[in-house]
N, C-alpha and C. Protein backbone atom coordinates (compact mmCIF):
# COMPACT_ATOMS: atom_id res chain seq x y z
N UNK A 1 -36.92 29.35 49.75
CA UNK A 1 -37.31 28.16 50.49
C UNK A 1 -36.95 28.22 51.98
N UNK A 2 -35.78 28.75 52.38
CA UNK A 2 -35.50 28.86 53.82
C UNK A 2 -36.58 29.62 54.56
N UNK A 3 -37.14 30.66 53.93
CA UNK A 3 -38.21 31.42 54.58
C UNK A 3 -39.44 30.57 54.80
N UNK A 4 -39.74 29.71 53.82
CA UNK A 4 -40.90 28.83 53.96
C UNK A 4 -40.69 27.85 55.11
N UNK A 5 -39.49 27.32 55.21
CA UNK A 5 -39.19 26.37 56.28
C UNK A 5 -39.34 27.04 57.63
N UNK A 6 -38.82 28.25 57.75
CA UNK A 6 -38.92 28.97 59.01
C UNK A 6 -40.38 29.23 59.37
N UNK A 7 -41.18 29.56 58.35
CA UNK A 7 -42.59 29.84 58.60
C UNK A 7 -43.32 28.59 59.05
N UNK A 8 -43.03 27.46 58.41
CA UNK A 8 -43.65 26.20 58.81
C UNK A 8 -43.29 25.86 60.25
N UNK A 9 -42.00 26.00 60.57
CA UNK A 9 -41.56 25.70 61.93
C UNK A 9 -42.19 26.64 62.94
N UNK A 10 -42.32 27.92 62.56
CA UNK A 10 -42.90 28.90 63.46
C UNK A 10 -44.37 28.58 63.72
N UNK A 11 -45.10 28.21 62.67
CA UNK A 11 -46.51 27.90 62.81
C UNK A 11 -46.74 26.71 63.73
N UNK A 12 -45.77 25.78 63.73
CA UNK A 12 -45.94 24.57 64.52
C UNK A 12 -45.02 24.57 65.73
N UNK A 13 -44.56 25.72 66.12
CA UNK A 13 -43.69 25.85 67.29
C UNK A 13 -44.40 25.36 68.54
N UNK A 14 -43.67 24.73 69.45
CA UNK A 14 -44.29 24.16 70.63
C UNK A 14 -44.47 25.17 71.74
N UNK A 15 -44.68 26.42 71.42
CA UNK A 15 -45.03 27.47 72.37
C UNK A 15 -43.98 27.68 73.45
N UNK A 16 -42.75 27.28 73.16
CA UNK A 16 -41.68 27.50 74.12
C UNK A 16 -41.76 26.63 75.35
N UNK A 17 -42.55 25.56 75.29
CA UNK A 17 -42.66 24.70 76.45
C UNK A 17 -41.42 23.81 76.53
N UNK A 18 -40.65 23.91 77.59
CA UNK A 18 -39.40 23.17 77.66
C UNK A 18 -39.61 21.69 77.87
N UNK A 19 -38.95 20.87 77.10
CA UNK A 19 -38.96 19.44 77.33
C UNK A 19 -38.07 19.17 78.53
N UNK A 20 -38.56 18.37 79.47
CA UNK A 20 -37.80 18.15 80.69
C UNK A 20 -36.44 17.54 80.40
N UNK A 21 -36.34 16.76 79.30
CA UNK A 21 -35.06 16.15 78.97
C UNK A 21 -34.01 17.20 78.65
N UNK A 22 -34.47 18.35 78.10
CA UNK A 22 -33.53 19.41 77.75
C UNK A 22 -32.98 20.09 78.99
N UNK A 23 -33.72 19.98 80.10
CA UNK A 23 -33.27 20.62 81.33
C UNK A 23 -32.39 19.70 82.17
N UNK A 24 -32.28 18.47 81.74
CA UNK A 24 -31.51 17.49 82.51
C UNK A 24 -30.12 17.37 81.94
N UNK A 25 -29.11 17.40 82.81
CA UNK A 25 -27.73 17.29 82.36
C UNK A 25 -27.53 15.97 81.63
N UNK A 26 -26.68 16.01 80.61
CA UNK A 26 -26.45 14.82 79.79
C UNK A 26 -25.96 13.64 80.64
N UNK A 27 -25.13 13.92 81.60
CA UNK A 27 -24.61 12.84 82.44
C UNK A 27 -25.72 12.21 83.27
N UNK A 28 -26.66 13.05 83.74
CA UNK A 28 -27.77 12.53 84.52
C UNK A 28 -28.68 11.67 83.66
N UNK A 29 -28.92 12.11 82.42
CA UNK A 29 -29.75 11.34 81.50
C UNK A 29 -29.10 9.98 81.23
N UNK A 30 -27.78 9.99 80.97
CA UNK A 30 -27.07 8.75 80.70
C UNK A 30 -27.16 7.80 81.89
N UNK A 31 -27.02 8.36 83.09
CA UNK A 31 -27.11 7.54 84.29
C UNK A 31 -28.52 6.97 84.45
N UNK A 32 -29.52 7.80 84.18
CA UNK A 32 -30.91 7.37 84.29
C UNK A 32 -31.19 6.22 83.32
N UNK A 33 -30.71 6.35 82.09
CA UNK A 33 -30.93 5.31 81.08
C UNK A 33 -30.23 4.02 81.48
N UNK A 34 -29.02 4.15 81.99
CA UNK A 34 -28.28 2.96 82.42
C UNK A 34 -29.02 2.25 83.55
N UNK A 35 -29.54 3.01 84.50
CA UNK A 35 -30.26 2.39 85.62
C UNK A 35 -31.57 1.75 85.15
N UNK A 36 -32.26 2.42 84.22
CA UNK A 36 -33.49 1.85 83.67
C UNK A 36 -33.18 0.57 82.89
N UNK A 37 -32.10 0.61 82.14
CA UNK A 37 -31.67 -0.56 81.36
C UNK A 37 -31.36 -1.74 82.27
N UNK A 38 -30.85 -1.45 83.47
CA UNK A 38 -30.51 -2.49 84.44
C UNK A 38 -31.73 -3.00 85.19
N UNK A 39 -32.90 -2.40 84.93
CA UNK A 39 -34.13 -2.88 85.56
C UNK A 39 -34.64 -2.06 86.72
N UNK A 40 -34.10 -0.86 86.92
CA UNK A 40 -34.54 0.01 88.02
C UNK A 40 -35.88 0.64 87.63
N UNK A 41 -36.99 0.27 88.32
CA UNK A 41 -38.31 0.80 87.95
C UNK A 41 -38.44 2.30 88.19
N UNK A 42 -37.76 2.81 89.20
CA UNK A 42 -37.81 4.25 89.48
C UNK A 42 -37.16 5.02 88.34
N UNK A 43 -36.02 4.52 87.87
CA UNK A 43 -35.33 5.17 86.75
C UNK A 43 -36.19 5.14 85.50
N UNK A 44 -36.92 4.05 85.29
CA UNK A 44 -37.78 3.98 84.11
C UNK A 44 -38.91 5.00 84.20
N UNK A 45 -39.48 5.17 85.38
CA UNK A 45 -40.52 6.19 85.57
C UNK A 45 -39.95 7.58 85.31
N UNK A 46 -38.72 7.80 85.76
CA UNK A 46 -38.07 9.08 85.50
C UNK A 46 -37.87 9.29 84.00
N UNK A 47 -37.55 8.22 83.30
CA UNK A 47 -37.37 8.30 81.85
C UNK A 47 -38.68 8.71 81.17
N UNK A 48 -39.78 8.12 81.61
CA UNK A 48 -41.08 8.48 81.05
C UNK A 48 -41.37 9.96 81.29
N UNK A 49 -41.13 10.42 82.53
CA UNK A 49 -41.35 11.85 82.84
C UNK A 49 -40.47 12.74 81.96
N UNK A 50 -39.26 12.28 81.72
CA UNK A 50 -38.27 13.08 80.99
C UNK A 50 -38.63 13.23 79.51
N UNK A 51 -39.15 12.15 78.91
CA UNK A 51 -39.37 12.15 77.46
C UNK A 51 -40.84 12.15 77.05
N UNK A 52 -41.74 12.15 78.00
CA UNK A 52 -43.16 12.02 77.67
C UNK A 52 -43.66 13.12 76.74
N UNK A 53 -43.30 14.37 77.05
CA UNK A 53 -43.79 15.47 76.22
C UNK A 53 -43.24 15.38 74.79
N UNK A 54 -41.98 15.03 74.65
CA UNK A 54 -41.38 14.88 73.32
C UNK A 54 -42.06 13.77 72.54
N UNK A 55 -42.33 12.65 73.19
CA UNK A 55 -42.98 11.53 72.52
C UNK A 55 -44.37 11.93 72.04
N UNK A 56 -45.15 12.56 72.93
CA UNK A 56 -46.52 12.92 72.56
C UNK A 56 -46.54 13.98 71.47
N UNK A 57 -45.67 14.99 71.58
CA UNK A 57 -45.68 16.06 70.57
C UNK A 57 -45.30 15.53 69.20
N UNK A 58 -44.31 14.63 69.15
CA UNK A 58 -43.90 14.06 67.87
C UNK A 58 -45.00 13.17 67.30
N UNK A 59 -45.59 12.34 68.14
CA UNK A 59 -46.69 11.47 67.69
C UNK A 59 -47.87 12.29 67.23
N UNK A 60 -48.16 13.39 67.93
CA UNK A 60 -49.28 14.27 67.57
C UNK A 60 -49.06 14.84 66.17
N UNK A 61 -47.85 15.28 65.90
CA UNK A 61 -47.55 15.85 64.58
C UNK A 61 -47.59 14.79 63.48
N UNK A 62 -47.30 13.56 63.83
CA UNK A 62 -47.36 12.48 62.85
C UNK A 62 -48.79 12.02 62.60
N UNK A 63 -49.61 11.97 63.65
CA UNK A 63 -50.93 11.36 63.55
C UNK A 63 -52.08 12.35 63.42
N UNK A 64 -51.89 13.58 63.91
CA UNK A 64 -52.87 14.62 63.68
C UNK A 64 -53.93 14.81 64.72
N UNK A 65 -53.96 14.01 65.78
CA UNK A 65 -54.93 14.28 66.84
C UNK A 65 -54.47 13.73 68.19
N UNK A 66 -55.08 14.25 69.22
CA UNK A 66 -54.62 13.99 70.58
C UNK A 66 -54.80 12.54 71.00
N UNK A 67 -55.97 11.96 70.73
CA UNK A 67 -56.24 10.61 71.21
C UNK A 67 -55.27 9.59 70.61
N UNK A 68 -55.05 9.70 69.31
CA UNK A 68 -54.11 8.78 68.67
C UNK A 68 -52.70 8.98 69.21
N UNK A 69 -52.33 10.24 69.48
CA UNK A 69 -51.00 10.53 70.01
C UNK A 69 -50.81 9.92 71.38
N UNK A 70 -51.82 10.01 72.22
CA UNK A 70 -51.73 9.43 73.57
C UNK A 70 -51.62 7.91 73.49
N UNK A 71 -52.43 7.30 72.61
CA UNK A 71 -52.35 5.85 72.43
C UNK A 71 -50.96 5.45 71.94
N UNK A 72 -50.44 6.24 70.99
CA UNK A 72 -49.11 5.95 70.46
C UNK A 72 -48.05 6.07 71.54
N UNK A 73 -48.16 7.09 72.39
CA UNK A 73 -47.18 7.29 73.45
C UNK A 73 -47.14 6.09 74.39
N UNK A 74 -48.31 5.56 74.72
CA UNK A 74 -48.34 4.37 75.58
C UNK A 74 -47.62 3.20 74.93
N UNK A 75 -47.87 3.01 73.63
CA UNK A 75 -47.22 1.92 72.91
C UNK A 75 -45.72 2.16 72.80
N UNK A 76 -45.32 3.41 72.61
CA UNK A 76 -43.90 3.74 72.52
C UNK A 76 -43.18 3.31 73.78
N UNK A 77 -43.73 3.67 74.94
CA UNK A 77 -43.03 3.35 76.18
C UNK A 77 -43.10 1.86 76.51
N UNK A 78 -44.14 1.17 76.02
CA UNK A 78 -44.17 -0.28 76.16
C UNK A 78 -43.02 -0.91 75.37
N UNK A 79 -42.79 -0.38 74.16
CA UNK A 79 -41.69 -0.90 73.34
C UNK A 79 -40.33 -0.52 73.93
N UNK A 80 -40.24 0.69 74.47
CA UNK A 80 -38.99 1.09 75.12
C UNK A 80 -38.68 0.12 76.25
N UNK A 81 -39.68 -0.19 77.06
CA UNK A 81 -39.49 -1.12 78.18
C UNK A 81 -39.07 -2.50 77.67
N UNK A 82 -39.69 -2.93 76.57
CA UNK A 82 -39.42 -4.26 76.03
C UNK A 82 -38.02 -4.37 75.44
N UNK A 83 -37.58 -3.31 74.75
CA UNK A 83 -36.33 -3.38 73.99
C UNK A 83 -35.16 -2.64 74.63
N UNK A 84 -35.37 -2.01 75.77
CA UNK A 84 -34.31 -1.21 76.38
C UNK A 84 -33.08 -2.04 76.72
N UNK A 85 -33.29 -3.29 77.05
CA UNK A 85 -32.14 -4.13 77.41
C UNK A 85 -31.18 -4.29 76.23
N UNK A 86 -31.70 -4.12 75.02
CA UNK A 86 -30.85 -4.25 73.84
C UNK A 86 -30.22 -2.95 73.39
N UNK A 87 -30.57 -1.85 74.08
CA UNK A 87 -29.98 -0.56 73.74
C UNK A 87 -28.53 -0.52 74.18
N UNK A 88 -27.64 -0.07 73.29
CA UNK A 88 -26.22 0.00 73.60
C UNK A 88 -25.85 1.42 74.04
N UNK A 89 -25.03 1.53 75.03
CA UNK A 89 -24.71 2.83 75.62
C UNK A 89 -24.04 3.77 74.62
N UNK A 90 -23.37 3.20 73.62
CA UNK A 90 -22.71 4.06 72.65
C UNK A 90 -23.70 4.60 71.60
N UNK A 91 -24.94 4.10 71.60
CA UNK A 91 -25.95 4.59 70.68
C UNK A 91 -26.47 5.96 71.12
N UNK A 92 -27.08 6.66 70.17
CA UNK A 92 -27.77 7.92 70.46
C UNK A 92 -29.17 7.57 70.92
N UNK A 93 -29.46 7.81 72.22
CA UNK A 93 -30.76 7.40 72.76
C UNK A 93 -31.91 8.15 72.09
N UNK A 94 -31.73 9.45 71.83
CA UNK A 94 -32.80 10.23 71.21
C UNK A 94 -33.15 9.66 69.84
N UNK A 95 -32.14 9.31 69.05
CA UNK A 95 -32.39 8.74 67.72
C UNK A 95 -33.07 7.39 67.84
N UNK A 96 -32.63 6.60 68.80
CA UNK A 96 -33.25 5.29 69.06
C UNK A 96 -34.71 5.46 69.42
N UNK A 97 -35.02 6.44 70.27
CA UNK A 97 -36.40 6.70 70.68
C UNK A 97 -37.23 7.21 69.51
N UNK A 98 -36.66 8.11 68.70
CA UNK A 98 -37.39 8.62 67.53
C UNK A 98 -37.78 7.48 66.59
N UNK A 99 -36.88 6.51 66.41
CA UNK A 99 -37.19 5.38 65.52
C UNK A 99 -38.41 4.61 66.04
N UNK A 100 -38.47 4.44 67.35
CA UNK A 100 -39.62 3.74 67.94
C UNK A 100 -40.89 4.56 67.72
N UNK A 101 -40.82 5.87 67.94
CA UNK A 101 -41.99 6.73 67.76
C UNK A 101 -42.50 6.64 66.33
N UNK A 102 -41.59 6.77 65.36
CA UNK A 102 -41.98 6.73 63.95
C UNK A 102 -42.59 5.38 63.60
N UNK A 103 -41.99 4.30 64.08
CA UNK A 103 -42.52 2.97 63.78
C UNK A 103 -43.90 2.75 64.38
N UNK A 104 -44.09 3.21 65.61
CA UNK A 104 -45.41 3.09 66.25
C UNK A 104 -46.45 3.89 65.47
N UNK A 105 -46.10 5.10 65.08
CA UNK A 105 -47.03 5.95 64.33
C UNK A 105 -47.38 5.33 62.98
N UNK A 106 -46.40 4.78 62.32
CA UNK A 106 -46.66 4.11 61.04
C UNK A 106 -47.60 2.93 61.23
N UNK A 107 -47.40 2.18 62.31
CA UNK A 107 -48.28 1.05 62.59
C UNK A 107 -49.71 1.53 62.82
N UNK A 108 -49.86 2.62 63.55
CA UNK A 108 -51.20 3.17 63.80
C UNK A 108 -51.84 3.66 62.52
N UNK A 109 -51.06 4.29 61.64
CA UNK A 109 -51.59 4.76 60.36
C UNK A 109 -52.11 3.60 59.53
N UNK A 110 -51.38 2.50 59.54
CA UNK A 110 -51.79 1.34 58.76
C UNK A 110 -53.07 0.73 59.33
N UNK A 111 -53.18 0.69 60.64
CA UNK A 111 -54.35 0.08 61.28
C UNK A 111 -55.60 0.93 61.15
N UNK A 112 -55.45 2.26 61.28
CA UNK A 112 -56.62 3.14 61.37
C UNK A 112 -56.92 3.89 60.09
N UNK A 113 -56.01 3.84 59.12
CA UNK A 113 -56.23 4.63 57.91
C UNK A 113 -55.98 6.09 58.19
N UNK A 114 -56.39 6.95 57.27
CA UNK A 114 -56.14 8.39 57.40
C UNK A 114 -57.06 8.96 58.46
N UNK A 115 -56.56 9.83 59.33
CA UNK A 115 -57.41 10.43 60.37
C UNK A 115 -58.48 11.32 59.77
N UNK A 116 -59.65 11.34 60.41
CA UNK A 116 -60.76 12.15 59.90
C UNK A 116 -60.94 13.42 60.71
N UNK A 117 -60.04 13.69 61.63
CA UNK A 117 -60.17 14.88 62.47
C UNK A 117 -58.80 15.42 62.76
N UNK A 118 -58.66 16.73 62.67
CA UNK A 118 -57.33 17.33 62.82
C UNK A 118 -57.32 18.31 63.99
N UNK A 119 -56.33 18.15 64.82
CA UNK A 119 -55.98 19.17 65.80
C UNK A 119 -54.47 19.26 65.75
N UNK A 120 -53.88 20.06 66.59
CA UNK A 120 -52.44 20.05 66.67
C UNK A 120 -52.02 20.16 68.12
N UNK A 121 -50.83 19.69 68.39
CA UNK A 121 -50.27 19.76 69.74
C UNK A 121 -50.30 21.18 70.26
N UNK A 122 -49.92 22.14 69.39
CA UNK A 122 -49.84 23.52 69.81
C UNK A 122 -51.21 24.14 70.06
N UNK A 123 -52.18 23.83 69.20
CA UNK A 123 -53.52 24.37 69.38
C UNK A 123 -54.14 23.88 70.68
N UNK A 124 -53.97 22.60 70.98
CA UNK A 124 -54.52 22.06 72.22
C UNK A 124 -53.84 22.68 73.43
N UNK A 125 -52.56 22.98 73.32
CA UNK A 125 -51.87 23.66 74.42
C UNK A 125 -52.51 25.02 74.66
N UNK A 126 -52.78 25.74 73.57
CA UNK A 126 -53.39 27.06 73.72
C UNK A 126 -54.76 27.00 74.36
N UNK A 127 -55.48 25.90 74.11
CA UNK A 127 -56.81 25.73 74.69
C UNK A 127 -56.75 25.24 76.13
N UNK A 128 -55.55 24.98 76.62
CA UNK A 128 -55.40 24.54 78.01
C UNK A 128 -55.63 23.06 78.20
N UNK A 129 -55.61 22.27 77.10
CA UNK A 129 -55.91 20.86 77.18
C UNK A 129 -54.69 19.99 77.41
N UNK A 130 -53.51 20.61 77.46
CA UNK A 130 -52.32 19.79 77.62
C UNK A 130 -51.26 20.53 78.41
N UNK A 131 -51.60 20.96 79.59
CA UNK A 131 -50.62 21.51 80.52
C UNK A 131 -49.86 22.67 79.90
N UNK A 132 -50.56 23.59 79.24
CA UNK A 132 -49.89 24.71 78.58
C UNK A 132 -49.77 25.89 79.52
N UNK A 133 -48.77 26.72 79.28
CA UNK A 133 -48.63 27.98 79.99
C UNK A 133 -49.64 28.96 79.44
N UNK A 134 -50.14 29.86 80.25
CA UNK A 134 -51.10 30.84 79.78
C UNK A 134 -50.46 31.75 78.75
N UNK A 135 -51.22 32.06 77.69
CA UNK A 135 -50.70 32.91 76.63
C UNK A 135 -50.86 34.37 77.00
N UNK A 136 -49.87 35.18 76.62
CA UNK A 136 -49.93 36.61 76.88
C UNK A 136 -50.36 37.37 75.63
N UNK A 137 -50.64 36.65 74.54
CA UNK A 137 -51.03 37.29 73.31
C UNK A 137 -52.48 37.75 73.39
N UNK A 138 -52.82 38.75 72.59
CA UNK A 138 -54.21 39.18 72.54
C UNK A 138 -55.03 38.17 71.75
N UNK A 139 -56.34 38.24 71.88
CA UNK A 139 -57.23 37.24 71.30
C UNK A 139 -57.09 37.16 69.78
N UNK A 140 -57.00 38.29 69.12
CA UNK A 140 -56.92 38.30 67.66
C UNK A 140 -55.66 37.60 67.16
N UNK A 141 -54.52 37.91 67.78
CA UNK A 141 -53.26 37.28 67.37
C UNK A 141 -53.30 35.78 67.62
N UNK A 142 -53.88 35.37 68.75
CA UNK A 142 -53.98 33.95 69.05
C UNK A 142 -54.87 33.24 68.04
N UNK A 143 -55.95 33.89 67.62
CA UNK A 143 -56.86 33.29 66.65
C UNK A 143 -56.17 33.11 65.30
N UNK A 144 -55.40 34.12 64.89
CA UNK A 144 -54.68 34.03 63.62
C UNK A 144 -53.68 32.88 63.66
N UNK A 145 -52.95 32.76 64.76
CA UNK A 145 -51.96 31.70 64.85
C UNK A 145 -52.63 30.33 64.86
N UNK A 146 -53.78 30.22 65.52
CA UNK A 146 -54.50 28.95 65.54
C UNK A 146 -54.95 28.55 64.14
N UNK A 147 -55.38 29.53 63.34
CA UNK A 147 -55.78 29.26 61.96
C UNK A 147 -54.58 28.77 61.14
N UNK A 148 -53.43 29.39 61.36
CA UNK A 148 -52.23 28.98 60.64
C UNK A 148 -51.83 27.57 61.03
N UNK A 149 -51.90 27.27 62.32
CA UNK A 149 -51.53 25.95 62.80
C UNK A 149 -52.47 24.89 62.25
N UNK A 150 -53.77 25.21 62.20
CA UNK A 150 -54.74 24.27 61.65
C UNK A 150 -54.44 24.00 60.19
N UNK A 151 -54.05 25.04 59.46
CA UNK A 151 -53.74 24.91 58.05
C UNK A 151 -52.54 23.98 57.84
N UNK A 152 -51.48 24.17 58.62
CA UNK A 152 -50.30 23.33 58.49
C UNK A 152 -50.61 21.89 58.90
N UNK A 153 -51.40 21.73 59.96
CA UNK A 153 -51.75 20.40 60.41
C UNK A 153 -52.49 19.64 59.32
N UNK A 154 -53.42 20.30 58.66
CA UNK A 154 -54.15 19.66 57.56
C UNK A 154 -53.23 19.44 56.36
N UNK A 155 -52.31 20.38 56.12
CA UNK A 155 -51.38 20.22 55.01
C UNK A 155 -50.51 18.98 55.21
N UNK A 156 -50.15 18.68 56.44
CA UNK A 156 -49.32 17.51 56.70
C UNK A 156 -50.00 16.23 56.25
N UNK A 157 -51.34 16.22 56.27
CA UNK A 157 -52.05 15.01 55.90
C UNK A 157 -52.05 14.78 54.39
N UNK A 158 -51.62 15.77 53.62
CA UNK A 158 -51.52 15.58 52.17
C UNK A 158 -50.23 14.85 51.80
N UNK A 159 -49.36 14.65 52.78
CA UNK A 159 -48.06 14.03 52.51
C UNK A 159 -48.14 12.52 52.61
N UNK A 160 -47.20 11.85 51.96
CA UNK A 160 -47.06 10.42 52.16
C UNK A 160 -46.50 10.18 53.56
N UNK A 161 -46.59 8.95 54.02
CA UNK A 161 -46.10 8.63 55.36
C UNK A 161 -44.60 8.94 55.49
N UNK A 162 -43.84 8.63 54.45
CA UNK A 162 -42.40 8.87 54.50
C UNK A 162 -42.09 10.36 54.48
N UNK A 163 -42.82 11.11 53.64
CA UNK A 163 -42.63 12.56 53.59
C UNK A 163 -42.98 13.19 54.93
N UNK A 164 -44.06 12.74 55.51
CA UNK A 164 -44.50 13.31 56.79
C UNK A 164 -43.47 13.04 57.88
N UNK A 165 -42.97 11.82 57.94
CA UNK A 165 -41.96 11.49 58.94
C UNK A 165 -40.72 12.35 58.75
N UNK A 166 -40.30 12.51 57.50
CA UNK A 166 -39.08 13.28 57.23
C UNK A 166 -39.26 14.75 57.60
N UNK A 167 -40.39 15.35 57.24
CA UNK A 167 -40.59 16.78 57.50
C UNK A 167 -40.81 17.04 58.98
N UNK A 168 -41.49 16.13 59.67
CA UNK A 168 -41.69 16.29 61.12
C UNK A 168 -40.35 16.26 61.84
N UNK A 169 -39.52 15.29 61.50
CA UNK A 169 -38.23 15.17 62.18
C UNK A 169 -37.28 16.31 61.82
N UNK A 170 -37.28 16.71 60.53
CA UNK A 170 -36.31 17.72 60.08
C UNK A 170 -36.74 19.13 60.45
N UNK A 171 -37.95 19.55 60.07
CA UNK A 171 -38.35 20.94 60.23
C UNK A 171 -39.06 21.22 61.54
N UNK A 172 -39.72 20.23 62.12
CA UNK A 172 -40.48 20.46 63.35
C UNK A 172 -39.73 20.00 64.59
N UNK A 173 -39.02 18.89 64.49
CA UNK A 173 -38.25 18.41 65.64
C UNK A 173 -36.82 18.92 65.62
N UNK A 174 -36.37 19.45 64.48
CA UNK A 174 -35.06 20.09 64.42
C UNK A 174 -33.87 19.18 64.23
N UNK A 175 -34.09 17.93 63.80
CA UNK A 175 -32.97 17.04 63.55
C UNK A 175 -32.26 17.45 62.25
N UNK A 176 -31.00 17.11 62.15
CA UNK A 176 -30.28 17.35 60.91
C UNK A 176 -30.70 16.30 59.88
N UNK A 177 -30.37 16.56 58.62
CA UNK A 177 -30.69 15.60 57.56
C UNK A 177 -30.01 14.26 57.82
N UNK A 178 -28.78 14.32 58.30
CA UNK A 178 -28.06 13.08 58.61
C UNK A 178 -28.77 12.30 59.72
N UNK A 179 -29.23 13.01 60.75
CA UNK A 179 -29.92 12.35 61.86
C UNK A 179 -31.25 11.76 61.39
N UNK A 180 -31.97 12.50 60.56
CA UNK A 180 -33.24 12.00 60.03
C UNK A 180 -33.01 10.72 59.24
N UNK A 181 -31.97 10.72 58.42
CA UNK A 181 -31.65 9.53 57.62
C UNK A 181 -31.38 8.33 58.52
N UNK A 182 -30.65 8.55 59.60
CA UNK A 182 -30.36 7.45 60.53
C UNK A 182 -31.64 6.93 61.17
N UNK A 183 -32.49 7.85 61.62
CA UNK A 183 -33.73 7.46 62.28
C UNK A 183 -34.62 6.66 61.34
N UNK A 184 -34.73 7.11 60.10
CA UNK A 184 -35.63 6.47 59.14
C UNK A 184 -34.99 5.31 58.40
N UNK A 185 -33.71 5.06 58.65
CA UNK A 185 -33.02 3.98 57.96
C UNK A 185 -32.93 4.23 56.47
N UNK A 186 -32.67 5.47 56.11
CA UNK A 186 -32.65 5.88 54.71
C UNK A 186 -31.33 6.57 54.40
N UNK A 187 -31.21 7.09 53.18
CA UNK A 187 -30.03 7.85 52.80
C UNK A 187 -30.34 9.34 52.90
N UNK A 188 -29.29 10.15 53.03
CA UNK A 188 -29.50 11.59 53.10
C UNK A 188 -30.10 12.11 51.80
N UNK A 189 -29.72 11.53 50.68
CA UNK A 189 -30.26 11.97 49.40
C UNK A 189 -31.77 11.74 49.34
N UNK A 190 -32.20 10.57 49.79
CA UNK A 190 -33.62 10.26 49.80
C UNK A 190 -34.37 11.19 50.75
N UNK A 191 -33.80 11.43 51.92
CA UNK A 191 -34.43 12.31 52.90
C UNK A 191 -34.56 13.72 52.34
N UNK A 192 -33.51 14.22 51.70
CA UNK A 192 -33.58 15.56 51.11
C UNK A 192 -34.70 15.64 50.07
N UNK A 193 -34.84 14.59 49.28
CA UNK A 193 -35.89 14.56 48.27
C UNK A 193 -37.27 14.55 48.92
N UNK A 194 -37.43 13.77 49.98
CA UNK A 194 -38.71 13.70 50.68
C UNK A 194 -39.06 15.03 51.32
N UNK A 195 -38.06 15.67 51.92
CA UNK A 195 -38.30 16.96 52.58
C UNK A 195 -38.65 18.03 51.55
N UNK A 196 -37.94 18.03 50.43
CA UNK A 196 -38.21 19.01 49.38
C UNK A 196 -39.63 18.83 48.84
N UNK A 197 -40.02 17.59 48.62
CA UNK A 197 -41.38 17.30 48.13
C UNK A 197 -42.42 17.72 49.16
N UNK A 198 -42.15 17.44 50.43
CA UNK A 198 -43.10 17.78 51.50
C UNK A 198 -43.27 19.29 51.61
N UNK A 199 -42.16 20.03 51.56
CA UNK A 199 -42.24 21.48 51.66
C UNK A 199 -43.04 22.07 50.50
N UNK A 200 -42.82 21.53 49.32
CA UNK A 200 -43.55 22.01 48.15
C UNK A 200 -45.04 21.76 48.30
N UNK A 201 -45.41 20.57 48.76
CA UNK A 201 -46.83 20.24 48.94
C UNK A 201 -47.48 21.13 50.01
N UNK A 202 -46.74 21.37 51.10
CA UNK A 202 -47.29 22.21 52.17
C UNK A 202 -47.49 23.63 51.67
N UNK A 203 -46.52 24.14 50.92
CA UNK A 203 -46.64 25.50 50.39
C UNK A 203 -47.84 25.60 49.44
N UNK A 204 -48.01 24.61 48.55
CA UNK A 204 -49.12 24.63 47.63
C UNK A 204 -50.45 24.56 48.36
N UNK A 205 -50.52 23.71 49.38
CA UNK A 205 -51.75 23.61 50.16
C UNK A 205 -52.07 24.93 50.84
N UNK A 206 -51.04 25.54 51.43
CA UNK A 206 -51.25 26.81 52.11
C UNK A 206 -51.69 27.91 51.14
N UNK A 207 -51.04 27.94 49.97
CA UNK A 207 -51.39 28.96 48.98
C UNK A 207 -52.84 28.80 48.52
N UNK A 208 -53.26 27.54 48.29
CA UNK A 208 -54.64 27.31 47.88
C UNK A 208 -55.62 27.72 48.96
N UNK A 209 -55.27 27.39 50.21
CA UNK A 209 -56.15 27.73 51.33
C UNK A 209 -56.27 29.24 51.48
N UNK A 210 -55.14 29.95 51.37
CA UNK A 210 -55.17 31.39 51.51
C UNK A 210 -55.94 32.04 50.37
N UNK A 211 -55.79 31.51 49.15
CA UNK A 211 -56.53 32.04 48.01
C UNK A 211 -58.03 31.85 48.21
N UNK A 212 -58.42 30.67 48.69
CA UNK A 212 -59.83 30.41 48.95
C UNK A 212 -60.39 31.32 50.03
N UNK A 213 -59.58 31.62 51.05
CA UNK A 213 -60.03 32.50 52.14
C UNK A 213 -60.26 33.90 51.63
N UNK A 214 -59.35 34.41 50.76
CA UNK A 214 -59.48 35.77 50.25
C UNK A 214 -60.68 35.91 49.31
N UNK A 215 -61.08 34.81 48.65
CA UNK A 215 -62.18 34.88 47.69
C UNK A 215 -63.54 34.79 48.35
N UNK A 216 -63.58 34.46 49.60
CA UNK A 216 -64.88 34.34 50.28
C UNK A 216 -65.47 35.73 50.54
């Protein structure tokens, strides 16, 4: 199973594109959040710049296409602006933000039903549609990876909303099981069960897809 997890994460890897928040010193981020919380509009704009890519990539993996992810990102930052005054400095801001992202995505899923079109954050980056770095891979290797990414993206849609949220946060965003449980307001036991079920479904979907490809 660890090998399967690594493969899933590799297929949906964000192409090494650094999130600006990761490049910002923790003290600077804390200061920025405090200033935004106090009503500084410049600090809030900086916060959007800092977390925008993370918000969109997570929403994309939850919702399955670019347009819905962009709409979700706008709603996420509207909610951040609305509720930031209630954020406590001793809280984990990343976990707080993830909860908003997941809630917004769940709301969109309920309103729009299951998506009828699949892309992925990584595939669109490769196509140059989202500020991606140029790839140095040869065409054949890039095509194979795109097929794998498309397969995983479609496999994610076979999951329940809770399973999808758990697997996106744990295997794709890299949170620990404890962190995922906090974000989802669940127990670690429940999260482990959801992740195990999600991994099994993804593996079965992939195996069926690969078998169908070989039989053509």
